[in-house]
Amino acid sequence: MTEPHEPQHRTQRLPTTRPVEQGTALELDQSASSAAYDPAPAQQESGGRAGRFWSARRIPAAILALVILGGTGLLLYDVAAVRAGHPAMRWRRTLADELAVRPLDDVWVLAGAAAAVAIGLWLLVLAVTPGLRGLLPMRRDRPGVRAGLDRPAAALVLRDRAIEVSGVRSVRVRMGRGKVGVRAVSHFRELDDVRADLDTVLGTGIKDLGLARPPSLSVHVRRPAKKG
């Protein structure tokens, strides 16, 4: 990806990015900056508060609905059959007998209770958390308009900017919700100079993403691995 004012041929450097070969010794010569970019404090947005996007969670909801529907239907059918003079189903008689004779400290009783508690906690977490961790909310400049940016797309934009810094041979960007981790390999120039340029370029790139909560930046630069 390139900026509109940049020539298209600048993306030709992307194929030069490749992983370092395994089984080789790494040089200790490296430069790192942690959180060198301090994001600007959050400002009051004219379009309203830019909160996280909530996931519909259709699959868990559908599975839970089917389980409840199947269990309720089976139980109601058995109760209606008993009312009509038929014997109860074997599974319900067995379950009632087991619950009547097993003590509360029985292993199976404790295991069933633990499973029910775990499922209940899982459902509560799904109900009160927004989800969609891979979607970063952007600033709301206009009322009624919400926008989000995928974390992989944001990482790709920053990677394209980092690879154009002089001296950078390859770069890997890990985009988190609160922090951007950048690991670059430089084959010439002083590592501190390359790291300083990356701090500047990526700091500007993070601001240009337009995120509601700009993440902090951590940059690590090292020399390529020695072969043999």
C-alpha atoms as a PDB file:
ATOM      1  CA  MET A   1       0.000   0.000   0.000  1.00  0.00           C
ATOM      2  CA  THR A   2       1.270   3.462  -0.822  1.00  0.00           C
ATOM      3  CA  GLU A   3       0.124   6.972  -0.143  1.00  0.00           C
ATOM      4  CA  PRO A   4      -1.799   8.610  -3.029  1.00  0.00           C
ATOM      5  CA  HIS A   5       0.998  11.072  -3.694  1.00  0.00           C
ATOM      6  CA  GLU A   6       3.705   8.411  -3.827  1.00  0.00           C
ATOM      7  CA  PRO A   7       4.702   6.711  -7.102  1.00  0.00           C
ATOM      8  CA  GLN A   8       3.520   3.158  -7.537  1.00  0.00           C
ATOM      9  CA  HIS A   9       6.993   1.765  -8.232  1.00  0.00           C
ATOM     10  CA  ARG A  10       8.045   2.233  -4.594  1.00  0.00           C
ATOM     11  CA  THR A  11       6.253  -0.964  -3.657  1.00  0.00           C
ATOM     12  CA  GLN A  12       8.734  -2.955  -5.725  1.00  0.00           C
ATOM     13  CA  ARG A  13      10.917  -3.391  -2.607  1.00  0.00           C
ATOM     14  CA  LEU A  14       8.422  -5.669  -0.906  1.00  0.00           C
ATOM     15  CA  PRO A  15       9.836  -8.930  -2.383  1.00  0.00           C
ATOM     16  CA  THR A  16      13.152  -8.224  -0.632  1.00  0.00           C
ATOM     17  CA  THR A  17      11.540  -9.018   2.717  1.00  0.00           C
ATOM     18  CA  ARG A  18      12.315 -12.582   3.723  1.00  0.00           C
ATOM     19  CA  PRO A  19      12.756 -14.486   6.987  1.00  0.00           C
ATOM     20  CA  VAL A  20      16.191 -15.028   8.458  1.00  0.00           C
ATOM     21  CA  GLU A  21      17.504 -18.542   7.879  1.00  0.00           C
ATOM     22  CA  GLN A  22      17.222 -20.886  10.817  1.00  0.00           C
ATOM     23  CA  GLY A  23      20.200 -22.496  12.431  1.00  0.00           C
ATOM     24  CA  THR A  24      22.442 -19.444  12.115  1.00  0.00           C
ATOM     25  CA  ALA A  25      24.061 -17.444  14.865  1.00  0.00           C
ATOM     26  CA  LEU A  26      22.793 -13.940  15.505  1.00  0.00           C
ATOM     27  CA  GLU A  27      25.010 -10.964  16.039  1.00  0.00           C
ATOM     28  CA  LEU A  28      24.613  -9.133  19.313  1.00  0.00           C
ATOM     29  CA  ASP A  29      24.748  -5.820  17.489  1.00  0.00           C
ATOM     30  CA  GLN A  30      21.239  -4.443  17.800  1.00  0.00           C
ATOM     31  CA  SER A  31      19.353  -1.306  18.729  1.00  0.00           C
ATOM     32  CA  ALA A  32      15.990  -1.068  20.441  1.00  0.00           C
ATOM     33  CA  SER A  33      13.569   1.590  21.555  1.00  0.00           C
ATOM     34  CA  SER A  34      10.573   0.778  23.702  1.00  0.00           C
ATOM     35  CA  ALA A  35       7.533   3.021  23.510  1.00  0.00           C
ATOM     36  CA  ALA A  36       9.576   5.749  21.817  1.00  0.00           C
ATOM     37  CA  TYR A  37       6.370   7.071  20.318  1.00  0.00           C
ATOM     38  CA  ASP A  38       4.022   8.487  22.939  1.00  0.00           C
ATOM     39  CA  PRO A  39       0.501   8.709  21.512  1.00  0.00           C
ATOM     40  CA  ALA A  40      -1.273  11.995  21.906  1.00  0.00           C
ATOM     41  CA  PRO A  41      -3.865  12.133  24.681  1.00  0.00           C
ATOM     42  CA  ALA A  42      -7.359  11.245  23.603  1.00  0.00           C
ATOM     43  CA  GLN A  43      -9.323  14.272  22.516  1.00  0.00           C
ATOM     44  CA  GLN A  44     -13.041  14.841  22.688  1.00  0.00           C
ATOM     45  CA  GLU A  45     -14.390  13.610  19.378  1.00  0.00           C
ATOM     46  CA  SER A  46     -17.025  15.654  17.609  1.00  0.00           C
ATOM     47  CA  GLY A  47     -18.802  12.536  16.354  1.00  0.00           C
ATOM     48  CA  GLY A  48     -19.163  10.867  19.746  1.00  0.00           C
ATOM     49  CA  ARG A  49     -17.291   8.236  21.697  1.00  0.00           C
ATOM     50  CA  ALA A  50     -15.504   5.635  19.567  1.00  0.00           C
ATOM     51  CA  GLY A  51     -16.015   2.422  21.510  1.00  0.00           C
ATOM     52  CA  ARG A  52     -15.122  -1.078  20.440  1.00  0.00           C
ATOM     53  CA  PHE A  53     -17.307  -2.954  18.011  1.00  0.00           C
ATOM     54  CA  TRP A  54     -19.517  -5.661  19.503  1.00  0.00           C
ATOM     55  CA  SER A  55     -19.578  -9.128  18.020  1.00  0.00           C
ATOM     56  CA  ALA A  56     -22.949 -10.662  17.192  1.00  0.00           C
ATOM     57  CA  ARG A  57     -21.641 -14.098  18.278  1.00  0.00           C
ATOM     58  CA  ARG A  58     -24.179 -15.893  16.138  1.00  0.00           C
ATOM     59  CA  ILE A  59     -22.522 -19.314  16.368  1.00  0.00           C
ATOM     60  CA  PRO A  60     -22.433 -19.542  20.219  1.00  0.00           C
ATOM     61  CA  ALA A  61     -25.967 -18.148  20.388  1.00  0.00           C
ATOM     62  CA  ALA A  62     -27.243 -20.650  17.822  1.00  0.00           C
ATOM     63  CA  ILE A  63     -25.542 -23.597  19.562  1.00  0.00           C
ATOM     64  CA  LEU A  64     -26.929 -22.568  22.955  1.00  0.00           C
ATOM     65  CA  ALA A  65     -30.417 -22.088  21.525  1.00  0.00           C
ATOM     66  CA  LEU A  66     -30.369 -25.524  19.889  1.00  0.00           C
ATOM     67  CA  VAL A  67     -29.151 -27.232  23.069  1.00  0.00           C
ATOM     68  CA  ILE A  68     -31.797 -25.531  25.210  1.00  0.00           C
ATOM     69  CA  LEU A  69     -34.514 -26.228  22.647  1.00  0.00           C
ATOM     70  CA  GLY A  70     -33.583 -29.905  22.354  1.00  0.00           C
ATOM     71  CA  GLY A  71     -33.306 -30.465  26.101  1.00  0.00           C
ATOM     72  CA  THR A  72     -36.541 -28.616  26.879  1.00  0.00           C
ATOM     73  CA  GLY A  73     -38.443 -30.422  24.153  1.00  0.00           C
ATOM     74  CA  LEU A  74     -37.233 -33.829  25.332  1.00  0.00           C
ATOM     75  CA  LEU A  75     -38.105 -33.064  28.945  1.00  0.00           C
ATOM     76  CA  LEU A  76     -41.570 -31.774  28.075  1.00  0.00           C
ATOM     77  CA  TYR A  77     -42.246 -34.863  25.955  1.00  0.00           C
ATOM     78  CA  ASP A  78     -41.260 -37.152  28.833  1.00  0.00           C
ATOM     79  CA  VAL A  79     -43.411 -35.238  31.326  1.00  0.00           C
ATOM     80  CA  ALA A  80     -46.389 -35.374  28.975  1.00  0.00           C
ATOM     81  CA  ALA A  81     -45.857 -39.117  28.478  1.00  0.00           C
ATOM     82  CA  VAL A  82     -45.822 -39.705  32.247  1.00  0.00           C
ATOM     83  CA  ARG A  83     -49.022 -37.663  32.626  1.00  0.00           C
ATOM     84  CA  ALA A  84     -50.626 -39.844  29.970  1.00  0.00           C
ATOM     85  CA  GLY A  85     -49.858 -42.987  31.965  1.00  0.00           C
ATOM     86  CA  HIS A  86     -46.661 -44.091  30.212  1.00  0.00           C
ATOM     87  CA  PRO A  87     -43.453 -44.818  32.155  1.00  0.00           C
ATOM     88  CA  ALA A  88     -40.761 -42.181  32.277  1.00  0.00           C
ATOM     89  CA  MET A  89     -37.787 -42.485  29.956  1.00  0.00           C
ATOM     90  CA  ARG A  90     -34.933 -44.601  31.163  1.00  0.00           C
ATOM     91  CA  TRP A  91     -32.428 -41.718  31.203  1.00  0.00           C
ATOM     92  CA  ARG A  92     -34.633 -39.658  33.521  1.00  0.00           C
ATOM     93  CA  ARG A  93     -35.204 -42.580  35.909  1.00  0.00           C
ATOM     94  CA  THR A  94     -31.477 -43.317  35.965  1.00  0.00           C
ATOM     95  CA  LEU A  95     -30.625 -39.669  36.556  1.00  0.00           C
ATOM     96  CA  ALA A  96     -33.141 -39.375  39.386  1.00  0.00           C
ATOM     97  CA  ASP A  97     -31.841 -42.552  41.055  1.00  0.00           C
ATOM     98  CA  GLU A  98     -28.201 -41.415  40.751  1.00  0.00           C
ATOM     99  CA  LEU A  99     -28.958 -37.989  42.232  1.00  0.00           C
ATOM    100  CA  ALA A 100     -30.847 -39.632  45.098  1.00  0.00           C
ATOM    101  CA  VAL A 101     -28.063 -42.009  46.156  1.00  0.00           C
ATOM    102  CA  ARG A 102     -24.889 -40.058  45.341  1.00  0.00           C
ATOM    103  CA  PRO A 103     -23.538 -37.701  48.058  1.00  0.00           C
ATOM    104  CA  LEU A 104     -22.746 -34.077  47.276  1.00  0.00           C
ATOM    105  CA  ASP A 105     -18.994 -34.682  47.557  1.00  0.00           C
ATOM    106  CA  ASP A 106     -19.062 -37.387  44.891  1.00  0.00           C
ATOM    107  CA  VAL A 107     -16.554 -36.937  42.070  1.00  0.00           C
ATOM    108  CA  TRP A 108     -19.178 -37.033  39.323  1.00  0.00           C
ATOM    109  CA  VAL A 109     -21.401 -34.543  41.126  1.00  0.00           C
ATOM    110  CA  LEU A 110     -18.500 -32.148  41.635  1.00  0.00           C
ATOM    111  CA  ALA A 111     -17.397 -32.573  38.011  1.00  0.00           C
ATOM    112  CA  GLY A 112     -20.896 -31.846  36.720  1.00  0.00           C
ATOM    113  CA  ALA A 113     -21.192 -28.779  38.945  1.00  0.00           C
ATOM    114  CA  ALA A 114     -17.777 -27.508  37.809  1.00  0.00           C
ATOM    115  CA  ALA A 115     -18.743 -27.986  34.159  1.00  0.00           C
ATOM    116  CA  ALA A 116     -22.002 -26.098  34.682  1.00  0.00           C
ATOM    117  CA  VAL A 117     -20.175 -23.242  36.420  1.00  0.00           C
ATOM    118  CA  ALA A 118     -17.555 -23.067  33.646  1.00  0.00           C
ATOM    119  CA  ILE A 119     -20.228 -22.945  30.947  1.00  0.00           C
ATOM    120  CA  GLY A 120     -22.113 -20.271  32.867  1.00  0.00           C
ATOM    121  CA  LEU A 121     -18.999 -18.126  33.284  1.00  0.00           C
ATOM    122  CA  TRP A 122     -18.192 -18.529  29.602  1.00  0.00           C
ATOM    123  CA  LEU A 123     -21.672 -17.344  28.650  1.00  0.00           C
ATOM    124  CA  LEU A 124     -21.395 -14.378  31.027  1.00  0.00           C
ATOM    125  CA  VAL A 125     -18.035 -13.381  29.515  1.00  0.00           C
ATOM    126  CA  LEU A 126     -19.537 -13.554  26.028  1.00  0.00           C
ATOM    127  CA  ALA A 127     -22.467 -11.419  27.174  1.00  0.00           C
ATOM    128  CA  VAL A 128     -20.491  -8.573  28.787  1.00  0.00           C
ATOM    129  CA  THR A 129     -17.447  -8.343  26.476  1.00  0.00           C
ATOM    130  CA  PRO A 130     -17.560  -6.727  23.026  1.00  0.00           C
ATOM    131  CA  GLY A 131     -15.304  -9.149  21.176  1.00  0.00           C
ATOM    132  CA  LEU A 132     -13.957  -8.346  17.683  1.00  0.00           C
ATOM    133  CA  ARG A 133     -10.449  -7.827  19.039  1.00  0.00           C
ATOM    134  CA  GLY A 134      -9.075  -7.734  15.490  1.00  0.00           C
ATOM    135  CA  LEU A 135     -11.012  -4.554  14.641  1.00  0.00           C
ATOM    136  CA  LEU A 136      -9.518  -1.274  15.866  1.00  0.00           C
ATOM    137  CA  PRO A 137     -12.015   1.596  16.241  1.00  0.00           C
ATOM    138  CA  MET A 138     -11.144   4.814  14.427  1.00  0.00           C
ATOM    139  CA  ARG A 139     -11.843   8.371  15.472  1.00  0.00           C
ATOM    140  CA  ARG A 140     -15.407   9.565  15.022  1.00  0.00           C
ATOM    141  CA  ASP A 141     -15.306  12.879  13.225  1.00  0.00           C
ATOM    142  CA  ARG A 142     -18.948  12.886  12.168  1.00  0.00           C
ATOM    143  CA  PRO A 143     -22.059  11.925  14.140  1.00  0.00           C
ATOM    144  CA  GLY A 144     -23.644   8.637  13.139  1.00  0.00           C
ATOM    145  CA  VAL A 145     -20.556   7.338  11.329  1.00  0.00           C
ATOM    146  CA  ARG A 146     -18.363   4.609  12.802  1.00  0.00           C
ATOM    147  CA  ALA A 147     -15.279   3.139  11.174  1.00  0.00           C
ATOM    148  CA  GLY A 148     -12.839   0.416  12.097  1.00  0.00           C
ATOM    149  CA  LEU A 149      -9.501  -0.824  10.815  1.00  0.00           C
ATOM    150  CA  ASP A 150      -8.413  -4.457  10.747  1.00  0.00           C
ATOM    151  CA  ARG A 151      -5.253  -5.098  12.722  1.00  0.00           C
ATOM    152  CA  PRO A 152      -3.582  -7.020   9.834  1.00  0.00           C
ATOM    153  CA  ALA A 153      -4.347  -4.123   7.474  1.00  0.00           C
ATOM    154  CA  ALA A 154      -2.905  -1.600   9.925  1.00  0.00           C
ATOM    155  CA  ALA A 155       0.215  -3.746  10.342  1.00  0.00           C
ATOM    156  CA  LEU A 156       0.608  -3.946   6.550  1.00  0.00           C
ATOM    157  CA  VAL A 157       0.407  -0.159   6.214  1.00  0.00           C
ATOM    158  CA  LEU A 158       3.096   0.345   8.859  1.00  0.00           C
ATOM    159  CA  ARG A 159       5.243  -2.403   7.330  1.00  0.00           C
ATOM    160  CA  ASP A 160       5.120  -0.723   3.918  1.00  0.00           C
ATOM    161  CA  ARG A 161       6.330   2.503   5.496  1.00  0.00           C
ATOM    162  CA  ALA A 162       9.071   0.806   7.490  1.00  0.00           C
ATOM    163  CA  ILE A 163      10.490  -1.112   4.520  1.00  0.00           C
ATOM    164  CA  GLU A 164      11.120   2.192   2.711  1.00  0.00           C
ATOM    165  CA  VAL A 165      13.484   3.443   5.420  1.00  0.00           C
ATOM    166  CA  SER A 166      17.073   3.476   4.194  1.00  0.00           C
ATOM    167  CA  GLY A 167      19.054   0.541   5.531  1.00  0.00           C
ATOM    168  CA  VAL A 168      16.073  -1.687   6.348  1.00  0.00           C
ATOM    169  CA  ARG A 169      16.419  -5.111   4.785  1.00  0.00           C
ATOM    170  CA  SER A 170      13.369  -6.803   6.273  1.00  0.00           C
ATOM    171  CA  VAL A 171      10.800  -5.878   8.866  1.00  0.00           C
ATOM    172  CA  ARG A 172       8.073  -7.586  10.846  1.00  0.00           C
ATOM    173  CA  VAL A 173       5.227  -5.620  12.415  1.00  0.00           C
ATOM    174  CA  ARG A 174       2.977  -7.003  15.102  1.00  0.00           C
ATOM    175  CA  MET A 175      -0.095  -4.848  15.631  1.00  0.00           C
ATOM    176  CA  GLY A 176      -1.707  -5.100  19.038  1.00  0.00           C
ATOM    177  CA  ARG A 177      -4.607  -3.173  20.534  1.00  0.00           C
ATOM    178  CA  GLY A 178      -2.336  -1.175  22.814  1.00  0.00           C
ATOM    179  CA  LYS A 179       1.155  -1.597  21.367  1.00  0.00           C
ATOM    180  CA  VAL A 180       2.890  -1.946  18.012  1.00  0.00           C
ATOM    181  CA  GLY A 181       5.957  -4.183  18.008  1.00  0.00           C
ATOM    182  CA  VAL A 182       8.414  -3.715  15.146  1.00  0.00           C
ATOM    183  CA  ARG A 183      11.458  -5.919  14.517  1.00  0.00           C
ATOM    184  CA  ALA A 184      13.678  -4.872  11.643  1.00  0.00           C
ATOM    185  CA  VAL A 185      16.914  -6.164  10.108  1.00  0.00           C
ATOM    186  CA  SER A 186      19.385  -3.589   8.787  1.00  0.00           C
ATOM    187  CA  HIS A 187      22.303  -4.543   6.535  1.00  0.00           C
ATOM    188  CA  PHE A 188      23.966  -1.111   6.449  1.00  0.00           C
ATOM    189  CA  ARG A 189      23.929   2.223   8.282  1.00  0.00           C
ATOM    190  CA  GLU A 190      24.257   2.611  12.027  1.00  0.00           C
ATOM    191  CA  LEU A 191      21.556   0.752  13.907  1.00  0.00           C
ATOM    192  CA  ASP A 192      20.727   3.744  16.091  1.00  0.00           C
ATOM    193  CA  ASP A 193      20.205   5.894  12.993  1.00  0.00           C
ATOM    194  CA  VAL A 194      17.948   3.295  11.397  1.00  0.00           C
ATOM    195  CA  ARG A 195      15.989   2.906  14.617  1.00  0.00           C
ATOM    196  CA  ALA A 196      15.572   6.683  14.946  1.00  0.00           C
ATOM    197  CA  ASP A 197      14.245   6.909  11.379  1.00  0.00           C
ATOM    198  CA  LEU A 198      11.846   4.035  12.061  1.00  0.00           C
ATOM    199  CA  ASP A 199      10.622   5.759  15.215  1.00  0.00           C
ATOM    200  CA  THR A 200       9.860   8.900  13.233  1.00  0.00           C
ATOM    201  CA  VAL A 201       8.283   7.205  10.212  1.00  0.00           C
ATOM    202  CA  LEU A 202       6.189   4.751  12.199  1.00  0.00           C
ATOM    203  CA  GLY A 203       5.148   7.389  14.731  1.00  0.00           C
ATOM    204  CA  THR A 204       3.766   9.464  11.880  1.00  0.00           C
ATOM    205  CA  GLY A 205       2.197   6.368  10.355  1.00  0.00           C
ATOM    206  CA  ILE A 206       0.364   5.527  13.576  1.00  0.00           C
ATOM    207  CA  LYS A 207      -1.059   9.046  13.724  1.00  0.00           C
ATOM    208  CA  ASP A 208      -2.158   8.815  10.087  1.00  0.00           C
ATOM    209  CA  LEU A 209      -4.125   5.631  10.808  1.00  0.00           C
ATOM    210  CA  GLY A 210      -6.698   7.755  12.599  1.00  0.00           C
ATOM    211  CA  LEU A 211      -7.267   5.332  15.466  1.00  0.00           C
ATOM    212  CA  ALA A 212      -9.370   6.381  18.424  1.00  0.00           C
ATOM    213  CA  ARG A 213      -6.715   5.082  20.833  1.00  0.00           C
ATOM    214  CA  PRO A 214      -3.289   5.227  19.147  1.00  0.00           C
ATOM    215  CA  PRO A 215      -1.062   2.400  20.430  1.00  0.00           C
ATOM    216  CA  SER A 216       2.456   2.828  21.748  1.00  0.00           C
ATOM    217  CA  LEU A 217       5.447   1.865  19.626  1.00  0.00           C
ATOM    218  CA  SER A 218       8.358  -0.477  20.304  1.00  0.00           C
ATOM    219  CA  VAL A 219      11.149  -0.785  17.703  1.00  0.00           C
ATOM    220  CA  HIS A 220      14.000  -3.309  17.659  1.00  0.00           C
ATOM    221  CA  VAL A 221      16.698  -3.234  14.965  1.00  0.00           C
ATOM    222  CA  ARG A 222      19.511  -5.772  14.499  1.00  0.00           C
ATOM    223  CA  ARG A 223      22.031  -6.943  11.958  1.00  0.00           C
ATOM    224  CA  PRO A 224      21.290  -9.911   9.674  1.00  0.00           C
ATOM    225  CA  ALA A 225      22.360 -13.360  10.801  1.00  0.00           C
ATOM    226  CA  LYS A 226      25.797 -14.613   9.914  1.00  0.00           C
ATOM    227  CA  LYS A 227      25.928 -17.721   7.758  1.00  0.00           C
ATOM    228  CA  GLY A 228      28.100 -20.601   8.744  1.00  0.00           C
END
